[in-house]
Amino acid sequence: MASTRATPHSKVGRPPLLVLGLSRTGGTSLSRALATLGYENLYDLDTVANGSPEHAAFWVRAIERKLSGQPGFDGTEAAAFFDGYDGVRNVPAAAFAAEFIESYPTSKVILPTRDVDSWHASCLGTVYQRAVDPILGALALIHSGSRTYATLLRALQRALYRGDFPGYGKTAFAEHQDYVRGRVPAERLLEYRVQQGWGPLCEFLGEPVPAGDFPQSNDRDAFWEGCRARDRRVLRELAVKALLVSGTAVHASPKLHPDRSEMAC
């Protein structure tokens, strides 16, 4: 695939912000903080989970290319797919750090980080479990969008962690951090922990420090509530479709007991 660079495409004309941390590195708190600073529309896994199936399909194709030794996408594809977003946040974008850094050479990059041991333990009880979640697996049997989404989550485990998060996750974390550090010039890179609050973030982005407290969110319970909210939405969609199909079938079926006028015909 030819390497091309994308043009700035966010709604204010600035290069998209690249937040290239792995899952469970404070991304939700950071996303809310960035929204306060004007980056309100960041593309992330929630966009995929709650969007149209084309979102998950795009990433599945990109992972298949990447696992075959090719770039997942080029700048032209990125400019078209991410048009209108203020940037990207964490997974799935983090699995394509090389592609984003190549496509947007003037973008500022934030690399969220945390203690690797606490990160690994957090992921084992959340994103790793979601990839093998039996409820999502059951929905995937009867709902095409969930099937593509579940395929994506498993593919991300292969792309990021060689399909062995328990054994390889910590190594992958260090490799990812080192890769981003090695590819992004220091003046465009902020390594950041959410415990640092507004100061370093606002200085890096050239924004004034807001008056309010820095947002704190997304513990384990909140993660699973978000997952189950998506699952309930899918179940409601399936129930509505089943009722519509059932109603159509009833109206289309012949009467079992014709009236006298029909019998006389």
Protein backbone atom coordinates (compact mmCIF):
# COMPACT_ATOMS: atom_id res chain seq x y z
CA MET A 1 0.00 0.00 0.00
CA ALA A 2 1.41 3.38 -0.96
CA SER A 3 2.22 5.66 1.94
CA THR A 4 0.42 8.98 1.77
CA ARG A 5 -0.04 11.66 4.35
CA ALA A 6 -3.42 12.97 5.38
CA THR A 7 -4.41 16.61 5.56
CA PRO A 8 -5.78 18.29 8.71
CA HIS A 9 -9.47 17.50 8.91
CA SER A 10 -10.87 18.38 12.32
CA LYS A 11 -13.72 20.85 12.52
CA VAL A 12 -11.39 23.75 13.41
CA GLY A 13 -8.80 22.92 10.76
CA ARG A 14 -6.03 21.87 13.15
CA PRO A 15 -4.17 18.57 12.81
CA PRO A 16 -5.99 15.81 14.68
CA LEU A 17 -4.79 15.08 18.19
CA LEU A 18 -3.33 11.58 18.51
CA VAL A 19 -3.88 10.00 21.93
CA LEU A 20 -2.05 6.73 21.46
CA GLY A 21 -2.25 5.02 24.83
CA LEU A 22 -3.37 1.45 25.35
CA SER A 23 -6.68 0.68 27.02
CA ARG A 24 -6.97 1.31 30.77
CA THR A 25 -4.40 4.11 30.85
CA GLY A 26 -6.82 6.76 32.07
CA GLY A 27 -8.27 7.37 28.65
CA THR A 28 -11.83 8.16 29.73
CA SER A 29 -10.74 10.76 32.28
CA LEU A 30 -8.37 12.22 29.71
CA SER A 31 -11.10 12.24 27.06
CA ARG A 32 -13.39 14.25 29.32
CA ALA A 33 -10.58 16.65 30.13
CA LEU A 34 -9.79 17.09 26.43
CA ALA A 35 -13.46 17.77 25.70
CA THR A 36 -13.29 20.61 28.19
CA LEU A 37 -10.29 21.96 26.28
CA GLY A 38 -12.13 21.86 22.95
CA TYR A 39 -11.36 18.36 21.69
CA GLU A 40 -14.93 17.17 21.99
CA ASN A 41 -15.09 14.58 19.23
CA LEU A 42 -12.35 11.99 19.67
CA TYR A 43 -12.66 8.66 17.87
CA ASP A 44 -12.31 5.70 20.24
CA LEU A 45 -13.60 2.21 20.94
CA ASP A 46 -16.91 3.62 22.18
CA THR A 47 -17.39 5.06 18.69
CA VAL A 48 -16.96 1.55 17.31
CA ALA A 49 -19.09 -0.20 19.95
CA ASN A 50 -22.03 2.15 19.54
CA GLY A 51 -21.66 3.08 15.88
CA SER A 52 -22.63 1.40 12.64
CA PRO A 53 -21.06 -1.99 11.76
CA GLU A 54 -18.88 -0.24 9.14
CA HIS A 55 -16.70 1.10 11.94
CA ALA A 56 -15.75 -2.33 13.27
CA ALA A 57 -15.40 -3.67 9.72
CA PHE A 58 -12.87 -0.93 8.88
CA TRP A 59 -10.66 -1.94 11.82
CA VAL A 60 -10.98 -5.67 11.18
CA ARG A 61 -9.74 -5.12 7.61
CA ALA A 62 -6.94 -2.91 8.89
CA ILE A 63 -5.81 -5.54 11.39
CA GLU A 64 -5.89 -8.25 8.74
CA ARG A 65 -3.59 -6.11 6.58
CA LYS A 66 -1.29 -5.36 9.49
CA LEU A 67 -1.00 -9.00 10.53
CA SER A 68 -0.08 -9.83 6.93
CA GLY A 69 2.82 -7.39 7.08
CA GLN A 70 1.18 -4.42 5.34
CA PRO A 71 0.18 -1.01 6.75
CA GLY A 72 -3.36 -1.14 8.10
CA PHE A 73 -4.32 1.97 6.13
CA ASP A 74 -2.71 4.96 4.46
CA GLY A 75 -3.18 8.68 4.85
CA THR A 76 -5.83 8.92 2.16
CA GLU A 77 -7.97 6.28 3.87
CA ALA A 78 -7.39 7.91 7.25
CA ALA A 79 -8.41 11.35 5.99
CA ALA A 80 -11.65 9.93 4.58
CA PHE A 81 -12.57 7.72 7.53
CA PHE A 82 -11.73 10.14 10.35
CA ASP A 83 -13.02 13.27 8.66
CA GLY A 84 -14.71 15.57 11.18
CA TYR A 85 -13.12 14.10 14.29
CA ASP A 86 -10.84 16.14 16.55
CA GLY A 87 -8.51 13.17 16.88
CA VAL A 88 -8.29 9.60 18.09
CA ARG A 89 -8.08 8.14 21.57
CA ASN A 90 -6.39 4.93 22.65
CA VAL A 91 -7.62 1.60 21.21
CA PRO A 92 -8.17 0.81 18.38
CA ALA A 93 -5.93 3.68 17.23
CA ALA A 94 -3.05 2.60 19.47
CA ALA A 95 -2.74 -0.63 17.48
CA PHE A 96 -1.96 1.57 14.47
CA ALA A 97 0.45 4.05 16.00
CA ALA A 98 2.78 3.69 13.01
CA GLU A 99 0.02 4.50 10.52
CA PHE A 100 -1.25 7.53 12.45
CA ILE A 101 2.20 8.97 13.08
CA GLU A 102 3.03 8.56 9.39
CA SER A 103 -0.28 9.98 8.19
CA TYR A 104 -0.25 13.03 10.47
CA PRO A 105 3.38 14.19 10.83
CA THR A 106 2.44 17.55 12.39
CA SER A 107 -0.03 16.25 14.95
CA LYS A 108 0.61 16.48 18.65
CA VAL A 109 0.75 13.09 20.34
CA ILE A 110 -0.26 12.23 23.88
CA LEU A 111 1.00 8.95 25.31
CA PRO A 112 -1.03 8.12 28.43
CA THR A 113 0.79 5.79 30.79
CA ARG A 114 0.58 4.23 34.25
CA ASP A 115 2.29 1.62 36.40
CA VAL A 116 2.54 -1.49 34.26
CA ASP A 117 1.56 -3.95 37.00
CA SER A 118 -1.62 -2.10 37.96
CA TRP A 119 -2.40 -1.62 34.26
CA HIS A 120 -2.04 -5.34 33.56
CA ALA A 121 -4.28 -6.28 36.49
CA SER A 122 -6.89 -3.74 35.37
CA CYS A 123 -6.95 -5.07 31.81
CA LEU A 124 -7.25 -8.69 32.94
CA GLY A 125 -10.55 -7.85 34.61
CA THR A 126 -11.91 -5.62 31.85
CA VAL A 127 -10.79 -5.40 28.22
CA TYR A 128 -9.26 -8.88 28.15
CA GLN A 129 -12.42 -10.40 29.64
CA ARG A 130 -14.62 -8.45 27.24
CA ALA A 131 -12.79 -10.01 24.30
CA VAL A 132 -13.95 -13.45 25.51
CA ASP A 133 -17.22 -12.31 27.11
CA PRO A 134 -19.85 -15.07 26.76
CA ILE A 135 -22.69 -12.54 26.60
CA LEU A 136 -21.08 -10.73 23.69
CA GLY A 137 -20.35 -14.13 22.17
CA ALA A 138 -24.02 -15.10 22.40
CA LEU A 139 -25.11 -11.84 20.80
CA ALA A 140 -22.59 -12.42 18.02
CA LEU A 141 -24.47 -15.57 17.05
CA ILE A 142 -27.66 -13.64 16.28
CA HIS A 143 -26.57 -10.06 15.58
CA SER A 144 -24.24 -9.24 12.71
CA GLY A 145 -22.99 -5.99 14.24
CA SER A 146 -22.05 -7.76 17.46
CA ARG A 147 -20.37 -10.49 15.44
CA THR A 148 -18.12 -7.96 13.69
CA TYR A 149 -17.45 -6.14 16.96
CA ALA A 150 -16.52 -9.34 18.78
CA THR A 151 -14.26 -10.28 15.88
CA LEU A 152 -12.56 -6.90 16.22
CA LEU A 153 -11.94 -7.28 19.95
CA ARG A 154 -10.31 -10.68 19.41
CA ALA A 155 -8.29 -9.32 16.50
CA LEU A 156 -7.03 -6.45 18.64
CA GLN A 157 -5.78 -8.96 21.18
CA ARG A 158 -3.74 -10.58 18.42
CA ALA A 159 -2.47 -7.32 16.96
CA LEU A 160 -1.49 -5.76 20.28
CA TYR A 161 -0.61 -8.74 22.47
CA ARG A 162 0.06 -11.65 20.09
CA GLY A 163 -3.13 -13.28 21.38
CA ASP A 164 -1.57 -13.82 24.83
CA PHE A 165 -2.40 -10.86 27.01
CA PRO A 166 -1.79 -12.66 30.34
CA GLY A 167 1.71 -13.70 29.28
CA TYR A 168 2.74 -10.97 26.83
CA GLY A 169 0.76 -7.93 27.92
CA LYS A 170 3.45 -6.28 30.05
CA THR A 171 6.08 -6.73 27.34
CA ALA A 172 3.70 -5.27 24.75
CA PHE A 173 3.05 -2.29 27.03
CA ALA A 174 6.76 -1.48 27.24
CA GLU A 175 7.28 -2.03 23.51
CA HIS A 176 4.40 0.28 22.65
CA GLN A 177 5.70 3.04 24.90
CA ASP A 178 9.20 2.73 23.46
CA TYR A 179 7.91 2.76 19.89
CA VAL A 180 5.93 5.97 20.29
CA ARG A 181 8.82 7.66 22.11
CA GLY A 182 11.16 6.68 19.29
CA ARG A 183 8.91 7.88 16.48
CA VAL A 184 7.56 11.21 17.76
CA PRO A 185 9.83 14.25 18.24
CA ALA A 186 9.99 15.37 21.86
CA GLU A 187 8.38 18.75 21.11
CA ARG A 188 5.24 17.03 19.79
CA LEU A 189 5.00 14.32 22.46
CA LEU A 190 3.49 14.41 25.95
CA GLU A 191 3.90 11.36 28.16
CA TYR A 192 1.12 11.78 30.62
CA ARG A 193 -0.48 10.29 33.72
CA VAL A 194 -3.96 11.50 34.61
CA GLN A 195 -2.81 12.05 38.20
CA GLN A 196 -0.79 15.01 36.86
CA GLY A 197 -4.02 16.91 36.28
CA TRP A 198 -4.50 19.97 34.13
CA GLY A 199 -1.05 21.55 34.23
CA PRO A 200 1.08 19.51 31.80
CA LEU A 201 -1.87 18.86 29.51
CA CYS A 202 -2.85 22.50 29.14
CA GLU A 203 0.74 23.62 28.68
CA PHE A 204 1.28 21.04 25.93
CA LEU A 205 -1.89 22.03 24.07
CA GLY A 206 -1.50 25.75 24.66
CA GLU A 207 -4.80 26.05 26.50
CA PRO A 208 -5.67 27.91 29.72
CA VAL A 209 -6.20 25.81 32.82
CA PRO A 210 -9.95 25.31 33.49
CA ALA A 211 -11.41 26.33 36.82
CA GLY A 212 -12.98 22.94 37.57
CA ASP A 213 -11.38 19.80 38.95
CA PHE A 214 -9.76 17.34 36.60
CA PRO A 215 -12.29 14.59 35.78
CA GLN A 216 -11.83 11.16 37.32
CA SER A 217 -13.78 8.21 35.91
CA ASN A 218 -13.93 4.71 34.45
CA ASP A 219 -13.32 2.23 37.22
CA ARG A 220 -14.00 -1.47 36.64
CA ASP A 221 -17.71 -1.21 37.44
CA ALA A 222 -18.15 1.70 35.03
CA PHE A 223 -16.39 -0.27 32.30
CA TRP A 224 -18.75 -3.21 32.62
CA GLU A 225 -21.81 -1.01 32.90
CA GLY A 226 -20.84 0.52 29.56
CA CYS A 227 -20.47 -2.94 28.05
CA ARG A 228 -23.83 -4.13 29.38
CA ALA A 229 -25.51 -0.93 28.21
CA ARG A 230 -24.38 -1.77 24.68
CA ASP A 231 -25.58 -5.37 25.07
CA ARG A 232 -29.01 -4.22 26.28
CA ARG A 233 -29.30 -1.84 23.35
CA VAL A 234 -28.61 -4.70 20.93
CA LEU A 235 -31.19 -6.89 22.66
CA ARG A 236 -33.78 -4.13 22.34
CA GLU A 237 -33.01 -3.79 18.64
CA LEU A 238 -33.41 -7.53 18.15
CA ALA A 239 -36.67 -7.55 20.11
CA VAL A 240 -38.13 -4.73 18.01
CA LYS A 241 -37.13 -6.51 14.79
CA ALA A 242 -38.68 -9.75 16.02
CA LEU A 243 -41.96 -7.96 16.83
CA LEU A 244 -42.02 -6.30 13.42
CA VAL A 245 -41.39 -9.60 11.65
CA SER A 246 -44.03 -11.32 13.77
CA GLY A 247 -46.58 -8.60 13.05
CA THR A 248 -45.88 -8.76 9.34
CA ALA A 249 -46.31 -12.52 9.35
CA VAL A 250 -49.68 -12.29 11.16
CA HIS A 251 -51.04 -9.72 8.70
CA ALA A 252 -49.81 -11.70 5.72
CA SER A 253 -51.23 -15.08 6.81
CA PRO A 254 -54.65 -16.31 5.49
CA LYS A 255 -57.60 -16.47 7.87
CA LEU A 256 -58.05 -19.85 9.49
CA HIS A 257 -61.85 -19.53 9.64
CA PRO A 258 -63.28 -17.77 6.55
CA ASP A 259 -66.60 -15.98 7.01
CA ARG A 260 -69.81 -17.01 5.18
CA SER A 261 -69.31 -14.69 2.26
CA GLU A 262 -65.92 -16.24 1.62
CA MET A 263 -67.41 -19.74 1.84
CA ALA A 264 -70.02 -18.85 -0.74
CA CYS A 265 -67.48 -17.72 -3.30
